[in-house]
PDB file of N, CA and C in Angstrom:
ATOM      1  N   UNK A   1     108.353  98.694  91.696  1.00  0.00           N
ATOM      2  CA  UNK A   1     108.324  97.523  90.731  1.00  0.00           C
ATOM      3  C   UNK A   1     107.412  98.030  89.667  1.00  0.00           C
ATOM      4  N   UNK A   2     107.491  97.625  88.466  1.00  0.00           N
ATOM      5  CA  UNK A   2     107.092  98.172  86.975  1.00  0.00           C
ATOM      6  C   UNK A   2     105.752  97.225  87.084  1.00  0.00           C
ATOM      7  N   UNK A   3     105.468  96.208  87.353  1.00  0.00           N
ATOM      8  CA  UNK A   3     103.993  95.074  87.337  1.00  0.00           C
ATOM      9  C   UNK A   3     103.560  95.086  88.705  1.00  0.00           C
ATOM     10  N   UNK A   4     102.221  95.351  88.674  1.00  0.00           N
ATOM     11  CA  UNK A   4     101.592  94.922  89.817  1.00  0.00           C
ATOM     12  C   UNK A   4     100.864  93.372  89.816  1.00  0.00           C
ATOM     13  N   UNK A   5     100.988  93.306  91.195  1.00  0.00           N
ATOM     14  CA  UNK A   5     100.448  91.497  91.136  1.00  0.00           C
ATOM     15  C   UNK A   5      98.909  91.733  90.421  1.00  0.00           C
ATOM     16  N   UNK A   6      98.561  90.539  89.754  1.00  0.00           N
ATOM     17  CA  UNK A   6      97.536  90.272  89.172  1.00  0.00           C
ATOM     18  C   UNK A   6      97.608  90.683  87.524  1.00  0.00           C
ATOM     19  N   UNK A   7      98.513  91.183  87.583  1.00  0.00           N
ATOM     20  CA  UNK A   7      98.860  92.189  85.850  1.00  0.00           C
ATOM     21  C   UNK A   7      99.456  90.789  85.002  1.00  0.00           C
ATOM     22  N   UNK A   8      98.587  91.113  83.758  1.00  0.00           N
ATOM     23  CA  UNK A   8      99.009  89.983  82.681  1.00  0.00           C
ATOM     24  C   UNK A   8     100.416  90.313  82.093  1.00  0.00           C
ATOM     25  N   UNK A   9     101.513  89.697  81.758  1.00  0.00           N
ATOM     26  CA  UNK A   9     102.298  89.966  81.275  1.00  0.00           C
ATOM     27  C   UNK A   9     102.502  88.888  80.324  1.00  0.00           C
ATOM     28  N   UNK A  10     103.312  89.454  79.138  1.00  0.00           N
ATOM     29  CA  UNK A  10     103.923  88.492  78.411  1.00  0.00           C
ATOM     30  C   UNK A  10     105.283  87.594  78.265  1.00  0.00           C
ATOM     31  N   UNK A  11     105.277  86.594  78.388  1.00  0.00           N
ATOM     32  CA  UNK A  11     106.961  85.860  78.816  1.00  0.00           C
ATOM     33  C   UNK A  11     107.532  86.110  77.493  1.00  0.00           C
ATOM     34  N   UNK A  12     108.753  86.070  78.090  1.00  0.00           N
ATOM     35  CA  UNK A  12     109.986  86.220  76.843  1.00  0.00           C
ATOM     36  C   UNK A  12     109.801  85.113  75.520  1.00  0.00           C
ATOM     37  N   UNK A  13     109.958  85.849  74.382  1.00  0.00           N
ATOM     38  CA  UNK A  13     109.514  85.338  73.269  1.00  0.00           C
ATOM     39  C   UNK A  13     110.763  84.231  72.847  1.00  0.00           C
ATOM     40  N   UNK A  14     111.977  84.461  73.506  1.00  0.00           N
ATOM     41  CA  UNK A  14     112.825  83.355  72.878  1.00  0.00           C
ATOM     42  C   UNK A  14     112.440  82.041  73.204  1.00  0.00           C
ATOM     43  N   UNK A  15     111.575  81.590  74.463  1.00  0.00           N
ATOM     44  CA  UNK A  15     111.496  80.458  75.046  1.00  0.00           C
ATOM     45  C   UNK A  15     109.854  80.075  74.930  1.00  0.00           C
ATOM     46  N   UNK A  16     109.337  81.429  74.946  1.00  0.00           N
ATOM     47  CA  UNK A  16     107.687  81.083  75.236  1.00  0.00           C
ATOM     48  C   UNK A  16     107.115  81.876  74.389  1.00  0.00           C
ATOM     49  N   UNK A  17     106.864  81.343  73.202  1.00  0.00           N
ATOM     50  CA  UNK A  17     106.254  82.064  72.060  1.00  0.00           C
ATOM     51  C   UNK A  17     104.955  82.433  72.557  1.00  0.00           C
ATOM     52  N   UNK A  18     104.368  83.317  72.180  1.00  0.00           N
ATOM     53  CA  UNK A  18     102.954  83.851  72.643  1.00  0.00           C
ATOM     54  C   UNK A  18     102.074  83.433  73.893  1.00  0.00           C
ATOM     55  N   UNK A  19     103.309  83.280  74.796  1.00  0.00           N
ATOM     56  CA  UNK A  19     102.644  82.716  76.408  1.00  0.00           C
ATOM     57  C   UNK A  19     102.091  83.925  77.022  1.00  0.00           C
ATOM     58  N   UNK A  20     101.107  84.173  77.934  1.00  0.00           N
ATOM     59  CA  UNK A  20     100.572  85.290  78.732  1.00  0.00           C
ATOM     60  C   UNK A  20     100.887  84.731  80.118  1.00  0.00           C
ATOM     61  N   UNK A  21     101.002  85.211  80.929  1.00  0.00           N
ATOM     62  CA  UNK A  21     100.905  85.066  82.511  1.00  0.00           C
ATOM     63  C   UNK A  21     100.529  85.845  83.286  1.00  0.00           C
ATOM     64  N   UNK A  22     100.456  85.676  84.711  1.00  0.00           N
ATOM     65  CA  UNK A  22      99.987  86.512  85.754  1.00  0.00           C
ATOM     66  C   UNK A  22     100.872  86.905  86.742  1.00  0.00           C
ATOM     67  N   UNK A  23     101.682  88.039  87.155  1.00  0.00           N
ATOM     68  CA  UNK A  23     102.564  88.072  88.537  1.00  0.00           C
ATOM     69  C   UNK A  23     101.850  87.754  89.479  1.00  0.00           C
ATOM     70  N   UNK A  24     102.365  86.891  90.405  1.00  0.00           N
ATOM     71  CA  UNK A  24     101.814  86.703  91.882  1.00  0.00           C
ATOM     72  C   UNK A  24     102.537  87.205  92.726  1.00  0.00           C
ATOM     73  N   UNK A  25     104.066  87.379  92.844  1.00  0.00           N
ATOM     74  CA  UNK A  25     104.692  88.225  93.748  1.00  0.00           C
ATOM     75  C   UNK A  25     105.995  88.709  93.082  1.00  0.00           C
ATOM     76  N   UNK A  26     107.019  89.458  94.009  1.00  0.00           N
ATOM     77  CA  UNK A  26     107.973  90.002  93.659  1.00  0.00           C
ATOM     78  C   UNK A  26     108.993  89.773  94.866  1.00  0.00           C
ATOM     79  N   UNK A  27     110.083  89.500  94.852  1.00  0.00           N
ATOM     80  CA  UNK A  27     111.126  89.182  95.604  1.00  0.00           C
ATOM     81  C   UNK A  27     112.683  89.281  95.306  1.00  0.00           C
ATOM     82  N   UNK A  28     113.889  88.890  96.089  1.00  0.00           N
ATOM     83  CA  UNK A  28     115.111  89.238  95.567  1.00  0.00           C
ATOM     84  C   UNK A  28     115.398  88.621  94.033  1.00  0.00           C
ATOM     85  N   UNK A  29     114.623  87.227  94.197  1.00  0.00           N
ATOM     86  CA  UNK A  29     114.849  86.490  92.838  1.00  0.00           C
ATOM     87  C   UNK A  29     114.692  87.157  91.785  1.00  0.00           C
ATOM     88  N   UNK A  30     113.341  87.577  91.638  1.00  0.00           N
ATOM     89  CA  UNK A  30     112.700  88.050  90.654  1.00  0.00           C
ATOM     90  C   UNK A  30     111.160  88.206  90.742  1.00  0.00           C
ATOM     91  N   UNK A  31     110.589  88.451  89.751  1.00  0.00           N
ATOM     92  CA  UNK A  31     109.225  88.481  89.469  1.00  0.00           C
ATOM     93  C   UNK A  31     108.313  87.152  88.969  1.00  0.00           C
ATOM     94  N   UNK A  32     107.687  86.486  90.241  1.00  0.00           N
ATOM     95  CA  UNK A  32     107.274  85.244  90.100  1.00  0.00           C
ATOM     96  C   UNK A  32     105.745  85.175  89.273  1.00  0.00           C
ATOM     97  N   UNK A  33     105.556  84.751  88.452  1.00  0.00           N
ATOM     98  CA  UNK A  33     104.583  84.795  87.270  1.00  0.00           C
ATOM     99  C   UNK A  33     104.171  83.196  87.132  1.00  0.00           C
ATOM    100  N   UNK A  34     102.856  83.241  86.829  1.00  0.00           N
ATOM    101  CA  UNK A  34     102.302  81.795  86.755  1.00  0.00           C
ATOM    102  C   UNK A  34     101.806  82.006  85.301  1.00  0.00           C
ATOM    103  N   UNK A  35     101.851  80.739  84.797  1.00  0.00           N
ATOM    104  CA  UNK A  35     101.168  80.831  83.219  1.00  0.00           C
ATOM    105  C   UNK A  35     100.944  79.064  83.019  1.00  0.00           C
ATOM    106  N   UNK A  36     100.004  78.899  82.005  1.00  0.00           N
ATOM    107  CA  UNK A  36      99.540  77.868  81.739  1.00  0.00           C
ATOM    108  C   UNK A  36      98.820  76.982  82.944  1.00  0.00           C
ATOM    109  N   UNK A  37      98.133  77.713  83.716  1.00  0.00           N
ATOM    110  CA  UNK A  37      97.212  77.289  85.192  1.00  0.00           C
ATOM    111  C   UNK A  37      97.893  76.985  86.244  1.00  0.00           C
ATOM    112  N   UNK A  38      99.227  76.165  86.247  1.00  0.00           N
ATOM    113  CA  UNK A  38      99.764  75.812  87.182  1.00  0.00           C
ATOM    114  C   UNK A  38     101.175  75.759  87.412  1.00  0.00           C
ATOM    115  N   UNK A  39     101.796  76.332  86.184  1.00  0.00           N
ATOM    116  CA  UNK A  39     103.069  76.304  86.545  1.00  0.00           C
ATOM    117  C   UNK A  39     103.822  77.942  86.676  1.00  0.00           C
ATOM    118  N   UNK A  40     104.679  77.904  87.495  1.00  0.00           N
ATOM    119  CA  UNK A  40     105.129  79.097  88.000  1.00  0.00           C
ATOM    120  C   UNK A  40     106.656  79.057  88.161  1.00  0.00           C
ATOM    121  N   UNK A  41     107.137  80.483  87.638  1.00  0.00           N
ATOM    122  CA  UNK A  41     108.353  80.539  86.989  1.00  0.00           C
ATOM    123  C   UNK A  41     108.996  82.024  87.772  1.00  0.00           C
ATOM    124  N   UNK A  42     110.242  82.203  87.832  1.00  0.00           N
ATOM    125  CA  UNK A  42     110.739  83.746  88.059  1.00  0.00           C
ATOM    126  C   UNK A  42     111.400  84.286  87.035  1.00  0.00           C
ATOM    127  N   UNK A  43     110.971  85.519  86.534  1.00  0.00           N
ATOM    128  CA  UNK A  43     111.745  86.129  85.505  1.00  0.00           C
ATOM    129  C   UNK A  43     112.460  87.591  86.120  1.00  0.00           C
ATOM    130  N   UNK A  44     112.951  88.222  85.447  1.00  0.00           N
ATOM    131  CA  UNK A  44     113.550  89.400  85.899  1.00  0.00           C
ATOM    132  C   UNK A  44     112.912  90.502  84.603  1.00  0.00           C
ATOM    133  N   UNK A  45     112.931  91.549  85.438  1.00  0.00           N
ATOM    134  CA  UNK A  45     111.793  92.554  85.137  1.00  0.00           C
ATOM    135  C   UNK A  45     111.911  92.785  83.688  1.00  0.00           C
ATOM    136  N   UNK A  46     112.885  92.989  83.164  1.00  0.00           N
ATOM    137  CA  UNK A  46     113.309  93.188  81.682  1.00  0.00           C
ATOM    138  C   UNK A  46     112.868  92.348  80.840  1.00  0.00           C
ATOM    139  N   UNK A  47     112.762  91.083  81.131  1.00  0.00           N
ATOM    140  CA  UNK A  47     112.437  89.974  80.245  1.00  0.00           C
ATOM    141  C   UNK A  47     110.637  89.975  80.047  1.00  0.00           C
ATOM    142  N   UNK A  48     110.012  90.616  80.956  1.00  0.00           N
ATOM    143  CA  UNK A  48     108.811  90.617  80.582  1.00  0.00           C
ATOM    144  C   UNK A  48     107.912  91.675  79.883  1.00  0.00           C
ATOM    145  N   UNK A  49     106.882  91.818  79.065  1.00  0.00           N
ATOM    146  CA  UNK A  49     106.290  92.847  78.584  1.00  0.00           C
ATOM    147  C   UNK A  49     105.017  92.784  79.121  1.00  0.00           C
ATOM    148  N   UNK A  50     104.265  94.000  79.468  1.00  0.00           N
ATOM    149  CA  UNK A  50     102.863  94.188  79.553  1.00  0.00           C
ATOM    150  C   UNK A  50     102.183  93.481  78.650  1.00  0.00           C
ATOM    151  N   UNK A  51     100.967  92.883  79.357  1.00  0.00           N
ATOM    152  CA  UNK A  51     100.411  92.315  77.997  1.00  0.00           C
ATOM    153  C   UNK A  51      99.113  93.097  77.663  1.00  0.00           C
ATOM    154  N   UNK A  52      98.786  93.253  76.362  1.00  0.00           N
ATOM    155  CA  UNK A  52      98.029  94.486  75.601  1.00  0.00           C
ATOM    156  C   UNK A  52      97.230  93.741  74.723  1.00  0.00           C
ATOM    157  N   UNK A  53      95.417  93.841  75.442  1.00  0.00           N
ATOM    158  CA  UNK A  53      94.432  92.823  74.306  1.00  0.00           C
ATOM    159  C   UNK A  53      94.700  93.580  72.856  1.00  0.00           C
TER     160      UNK A  53
END
């Protein structure tokens, strides 16, 4: 896994411009990311980018 649990990532810019989320799990479906406080969605590894301040 390229991203570790708890790591901040940027969501795909095509749909979520400027949104940063936290990796919370990984399984066969993909990487589960929590963002906006309560929303959680699965993304493919190649869709995410590591967040750098």
